[in-house]
Amino acid sequence: MKKGRKVDTKARVRKRDRKSTEDCEDVAAAKKAMAESKVRIPYEKVRKELGL
């Protein structure tokens, strides 16, 4: 094995899978919230307010 290369252990795989599941749930919740509201905020306004 090469030095510095990480090996996928069971714990690491579970953590990655859990994070992926959480990401999917977040996306689903955001889509649901957007479908319930007709209010849309332009991307440029959000960037400006957040200072990005």
PDB file of N, CA and C in Angstrom:
ATOM      1  N   MET A   1       0.835  -1.175   0.000  1.00  0.00           N
ATOM      2  CA  MET A   1       0.000   0.000   0.000  1.00  0.00           C
ATOM      3  C   MET A   1       0.880   1.237   0.000  1.00  0.00           C
ATOM      4  N   LYS A   2       0.439   2.270  -0.745  1.00  0.00           N
ATOM      5  CA  LYS A   2       1.198   3.507  -0.803  1.00  0.00           C
ATOM      6  C   LYS A   2       1.005   4.299   0.474  1.00  0.00           C
ATOM      7  N   LYS A   3       2.031   5.015   0.835  1.00  0.00           N
ATOM      8  CA  LYS A   3       1.979   5.836   2.027  1.00  0.00           C
ATOM      9  C   LYS A   3       1.031   7.013   1.809  1.00  0.00           C
ATOM     10  N   GLY A   4       0.205   7.317   2.823  1.00  0.00           N
ATOM     11  CA  GLY A   4      -0.684   8.459   2.730  1.00  0.00           C
ATOM     12  C   GLY A   4      -2.030   8.142   2.090  1.00  0.00           C
ATOM     13  N   ARG A   5      -2.179   6.982   1.529  1.00  0.00           N
ATOM     14  CA  ARG A   5      -3.446   6.623   0.889  1.00  0.00           C
ATOM     15  C   ARG A   5      -4.396   6.072   1.941  1.00  0.00           C
ATOM     16  N   LYS A   6      -5.620   6.590   1.948  1.00  0.00           N
ATOM     17  CA  LYS A   6      -6.600   6.155   2.937  1.00  0.00           C
ATOM     18  C   LYS A   6      -7.322   4.910   2.452  1.00  0.00           C
ATOM     19  N   VAL A   7      -7.523   3.996   3.358  1.00  0.00           N
ATOM     20  CA  VAL A   7      -8.227   2.762   3.047  1.00  0.00           C
ATOM     21  C   VAL A   7      -9.666   2.912   3.518  1.00  0.00           C
ATOM     22  N   ASP A   8     -10.631   2.514   2.677  1.00  0.00           N
ATOM     23  CA  ASP A   8     -12.037   2.582   3.072  1.00  0.00           C
ATOM     24  C   ASP A   8     -12.324   1.500   4.098  1.00  0.00           C
ATOM     25  N   THR A   9     -12.496   1.932   5.317  1.00  0.00           N
ATOM     26  CA  THR A   9     -12.872   1.004   6.376  1.00  0.00           C
ATOM     27  C   THR A   9     -14.396   0.983   6.457  1.00  0.00           C
ATOM     28  N   LYS A  10     -14.947   0.044   7.191  1.00  0.00           N
ATOM     29  CA  LYS A  10     -16.402  -0.023   7.328  1.00  0.00           C
ATOM     30  C   LYS A  10     -16.949   1.265   7.918  1.00  0.00           C
ATOM     31  N   ALA A  11     -16.253   1.804   8.916  1.00  0.00           N
ATOM     32  CA  ALA A  11     -16.708   3.038   9.553  1.00  0.00           C
ATOM     33  C   ALA A  11     -16.705   4.201   8.560  1.00  0.00           C
ATOM     34  N   ARG A  12     -15.671   4.278   7.750  1.00  0.00           N
ATOM     35  CA  ARG A  12     -15.576   5.351   6.768  1.00  0.00           C
ATOM     36  C   ARG A  12     -16.673   5.221   5.711  1.00  0.00           C
ATOM     37  N   VAL A  13     -16.951   4.006   5.294  1.00  0.00           N
ATOM     38  CA  VAL A  13     -18.007   3.774   4.304  1.00  0.00           C
ATOM     39  C   VAL A  13     -19.359   4.138   4.892  1.00  0.00           C
ATOM     40  N   ARG A  14     -19.611   3.751   6.144  1.00  0.00           N
ATOM     41  CA  ARG A  14     -20.884   4.095   6.800  1.00  0.00           C
ATOM     42  C   ARG A  14     -21.040   5.607   6.920  1.00  0.00           C
ATOM     43  N   LYS A  15     -19.963   6.297   7.280  1.00  0.00           N
ATOM     44  CA  LYS A  15     -20.013   7.754   7.416  1.00  0.00           C
ATOM     45  C   LYS A  15     -20.322   8.396   6.071  1.00  0.00           C
ATOM     46  N   ARG A  16     -19.676   7.927   5.012  1.00  0.00           N
ATOM     47  CA  ARG A  16     -19.909   8.464   3.673  1.00  0.00           C
ATOM     48  C   ARG A  16     -21.344   8.212   3.233  1.00  0.00           C
ATOM     49  N   ASP A  17     -21.854   7.009   3.502  1.00  0.00           N
ATOM     50  CA  ASP A  17     -23.228   6.677   3.134  1.00  0.00           C
ATOM     51  C   ASP A  17     -24.232   7.515   3.917  1.00  0.00           C
ATOM     52  N   ARG A  18     -23.953   7.719   5.206  1.00  0.00           N
ATOM     53  CA  ARG A  18     -24.849   8.524   6.041  1.00  0.00           C
ATOM     54  C   ARG A  18     -24.883   9.965   5.537  1.00  0.00           C
ATOM     55  N   LYS A  19     -23.729  10.489   5.188  1.00  0.00           N
ATOM     56  CA  LYS A  19     -23.655  11.864   4.685  1.00  0.00           C
ATOM     57  C   LYS A  19     -24.402  11.985   3.367  1.00  0.00           C
ATOM     58  N   SER A  20     -24.266  11.002   2.511  1.00  0.00           N
ATOM     59  CA  SER A  20     -24.969  11.008   1.237  1.00  0.00           C
ATOM     60  C   SER A  20     -26.480  10.971   1.455  1.00  0.00           C
ATOM     61  N   THR A  21     -26.918  10.159   2.410  1.00  0.00           N
ATOM     62  CA  THR A  21     -28.344  10.068   2.724  1.00  0.00           C
ATOM     63  C   THR A  21     -28.847  11.406   3.258  1.00  0.00           C
ATOM     64  N   GLU A  22     -28.075  12.029   4.149  1.00  0.00           N
ATOM     65  CA  GLU A  22     -28.457  13.327   4.699  1.00  0.00           C
ATOM     66  C   GLU A  22     -28.541  14.378   3.595  1.00  0.00           C
ATOM     67  N   ASP A  23     -27.602  14.344   2.646  1.00  0.00           N
ATOM     68  CA  ASP A  23     -27.620  15.293   1.535  1.00  0.00           C
ATOM     69  C   ASP A  23     -28.889  15.113   0.699  1.00  0.00           C
ATOM     70  N   CYS A  24     -29.254  13.875   0.430  1.00  0.00           N
ATOM     71  CA  CYS A  24     -30.462  13.595  -0.350  1.00  0.00           C
ATOM     72  C   CYS A  24     -31.708  14.084   0.381  1.00  0.00           C
ATOM     73  N   GLU A  25     -31.744  13.893   1.698  1.00  0.00           N
ATOM     74  CA  GLU A  25     -32.879  14.360   2.492  1.00  0.00           C
ATOM     75  C   GLU A  25     -32.954  15.881   2.478  1.00  0.00           C
ATOM     76  N   ASP A  26     -31.808  16.559   2.545  1.00  0.00           N
ATOM     77  CA  ASP A  26     -31.783  18.021   2.503  1.00  0.00           C
ATOM     78  C   ASP A  26     -32.307  18.538   1.169  1.00  0.00           C
ATOM     79  N   VAL A  27     -31.900  17.901   0.088  1.00  0.00           N
ATOM     80  CA  VAL A  27     -32.360  18.309  -1.243  1.00  0.00           C
ATOM     81  C   VAL A  27     -33.865  18.108  -1.364  1.00  0.00           C
ATOM     82  N   ALA A  28     -34.369  16.988  -0.881  1.00  0.00           N
ATOM     83  CA  ALA A  28     -35.807  16.716  -0.934  1.00  0.00           C
ATOM     84  C   ALA A  28     -36.589  17.751  -0.125  1.00  0.00           C
ATOM     85  N   ALA A  29     -36.080  18.105   1.055  1.00  0.00           N
ATOM     86  CA  ALA A  29     -36.749  19.102   1.892  1.00  0.00           C
ATOM     87  C   ALA A  29     -36.753  20.472   1.215  1.00  0.00           C
ATOM     88  N   ALA A  30     -35.667  20.831   0.577  1.00  0.00           N
ATOM     89  CA  ALA A  30     -35.587  22.118  -0.121  1.00  0.00           C
ATOM     90  C   ALA A  30     -36.563  22.158  -1.290  1.00  0.00           C
ATOM     91  N   LYS A  31     -36.645  21.075  -2.043  1.00  0.00           N
ATOM     92  CA  LYS A  31     -37.578  21.028  -3.170  1.00  0.00           C
ATOM     93  C   LYS A  31     -39.020  21.128  -2.687  1.00  0.00           C
ATOM     94  N   LYS A  32     -39.330  20.473  -1.573  1.00  0.00           N
ATOM     95  CA  LYS A  32     -40.678  20.520  -1.015  1.00  0.00           C
ATOM     96  C   LYS A  32     -41.011  21.949  -0.578  1.00  0.00           C
ATOM     97  N   ALA A  33     -40.071  22.603   0.098  1.00  0.00           N
ATOM     98  CA  ALA A  33     -40.295  23.971   0.560  1.00  0.00           C
ATOM     99  C   ALA A  33     -40.491  24.921  -0.609  1.00  0.00           C
ATOM    100  N   MET A  34     -39.722  24.729  -1.670  1.00  0.00           N
ATOM    101  CA  MET A  34     -39.862  25.593  -2.840  1.00  0.00           C
ATOM    102  C   MET A  34     -41.198  25.378  -3.534  1.00  0.00           C
ATOM    103  N   ALA A  35     -41.694  24.145  -3.534  1.00  0.00           N
ATOM    104  CA  ALA A  35     -42.966  23.851  -4.171  1.00  0.00           C
ATOM    105  C   ALA A  35     -44.131  24.473  -3.394  1.00  0.00           C
ATOM    106  N   GLU A  36     -43.970  24.625  -2.080  1.00  0.00           N
ATOM    107  CA  GLU A  36     -45.029  25.172  -1.245  1.00  0.00           C
ATOM    108  C   GLU A  36     -45.110  26.700  -1.314  1.00  0.00           C
ATOM    109  N   SER A  37     -44.046  27.365  -1.701  1.00  0.00           N
ATOM    110  CA  SER A  37     -43.999  28.821  -1.712  1.00  0.00           C
ATOM    111  C   SER A  37     -43.840  29.343  -3.133  1.00  0.00           C
ATOM    112  N   LYS A  38     -44.534  30.426  -3.411  1.00  0.00           N
ATOM    113  CA  LYS A  38     -44.417  31.068  -4.731  1.00  0.00           C
ATOM    114  C   LYS A  38     -43.354  32.163  -4.720  1.00  0.00           C
ATOM    115  N   VAL A  39     -42.827  32.494  -3.536  1.00  0.00           N
ATOM    116  CA  VAL A  39     -41.832  33.548  -3.402  1.00  0.00           C
ATOM    117  C   VAL A  39     -40.477  33.039  -3.887  1.00  0.00           C
ATOM    118  N   ARG A  40     -39.863  33.792  -4.760  1.00  0.00           N
ATOM    119  CA  ARG A  40     -38.541  33.433  -5.267  1.00  0.00           C
ATOM    120  C   ARG A  40     -37.584  34.583  -5.017  1.00  0.00           C
ATOM    121  N   ILE A  41     -36.398  34.277  -4.533  1.00  0.00           N
ATOM    122  CA  ILE A  41     -35.380  35.288  -4.273  1.00  0.00           C
ATOM    123  C   ILE A  41     -34.288  35.112  -5.320  1.00  0.00           C
ATOM    124  N   PRO A  42     -33.986  36.177  -6.066  1.00  0.00           N
ATOM    125  CA  PRO A  42     -32.939  36.074  -7.095  1.00  0.00           C
ATOM    126  C   PRO A  42     -31.579  35.717  -6.488  1.00  0.00           C
ATOM    127  N   TYR A  43     -30.848  34.895  -7.189  1.00  0.00           N
ATOM    128  CA  TYR A  43     -29.532  34.443  -6.745  1.00  0.00           C
ATOM    129  C   TYR A  43     -28.604  35.629  -6.462  1.00  0.00           C
ATOM    130  N   GLU A  44     -28.635  36.638  -7.322  1.00  0.00           N
ATOM    131  CA  GLU A  44     -27.771  37.801  -7.157  1.00  0.00           C
ATOM    132  C   GLU A  44     -28.055  38.514  -5.835  1.00  0.00           C
ATOM    133  N   LYS A  45     -29.331  38.598  -5.443  1.00  0.00           N
ATOM    134  CA  LYS A  45     -29.702  39.249  -4.183  1.00  0.00           C
ATOM    135  C   LYS A  45     -29.158  38.458  -2.987  1.00  0.00           C
ATOM    136  N   VAL A  46     -29.276  37.154  -3.051  1.00  0.00           N
ATOM    137  CA  VAL A  46     -28.764  36.301  -1.969  1.00  0.00           C
ATOM    138  C   VAL A  46     -27.263  36.468  -1.836  1.00  0.00           C
ATOM    139  N   ARG A  47     -26.559  36.436  -2.943  1.00  0.00           N
ATOM    140  CA  ARG A  47     -25.100  36.617  -2.907  1.00  0.00           C
ATOM    141  C   ARG A  47     -24.721  37.943  -2.277  1.00  0.00           C
ATOM    142  N   LYS A  48     -25.445  39.007  -2.672  1.00  0.00           N
ATOM    143  CA  LYS A  48     -25.143  40.342  -2.152  1.00  0.00           C
ATOM    144  C   LYS A  48     -25.396  40.400  -0.650  1.00  0.00           C
ATOM    145  N   GLU A  49     -26.526  39.844  -0.190  1.00  0.00           N
ATOM    146  CA  GLU A  49     -26.858  39.873   1.232  1.00  0.00           C
ATOM    147  C   GLU A  49     -25.881  39.056   2.072  1.00  0.00           C
ATOM    148  N   LEU A  50     -25.370  37.985   1.500  1.00  0.00           N
ATOM    149  CA  LEU A  50     -24.430  37.132   2.227  1.00  0.00           C
ATOM    150  C   LEU A  50     -22.984  37.624   2.096  1.00  0.00           C
ATOM    151  N   GLY A  51     -22.783  38.640   1.240  1.00  0.00           N
ATOM    152  CA  GLY A  51     -21.448  39.178   1.052  1.00  0.00           C
ATOM    153  C   GLY A  51     -20.538  38.271   0.248  1.00  0.00           C
ATOM    154  N   LEU A  52     -21.113  37.501  -0.654  1.00  0.00           N
ATOM    155  CA  LEU A  52     -20.313  36.589  -1.485  1.00  0.00           C
ATOM    156  C   LEU A  52     -19.919  37.222  -2.791  1.00  0.00           C
TER     157      LEU A  52
END
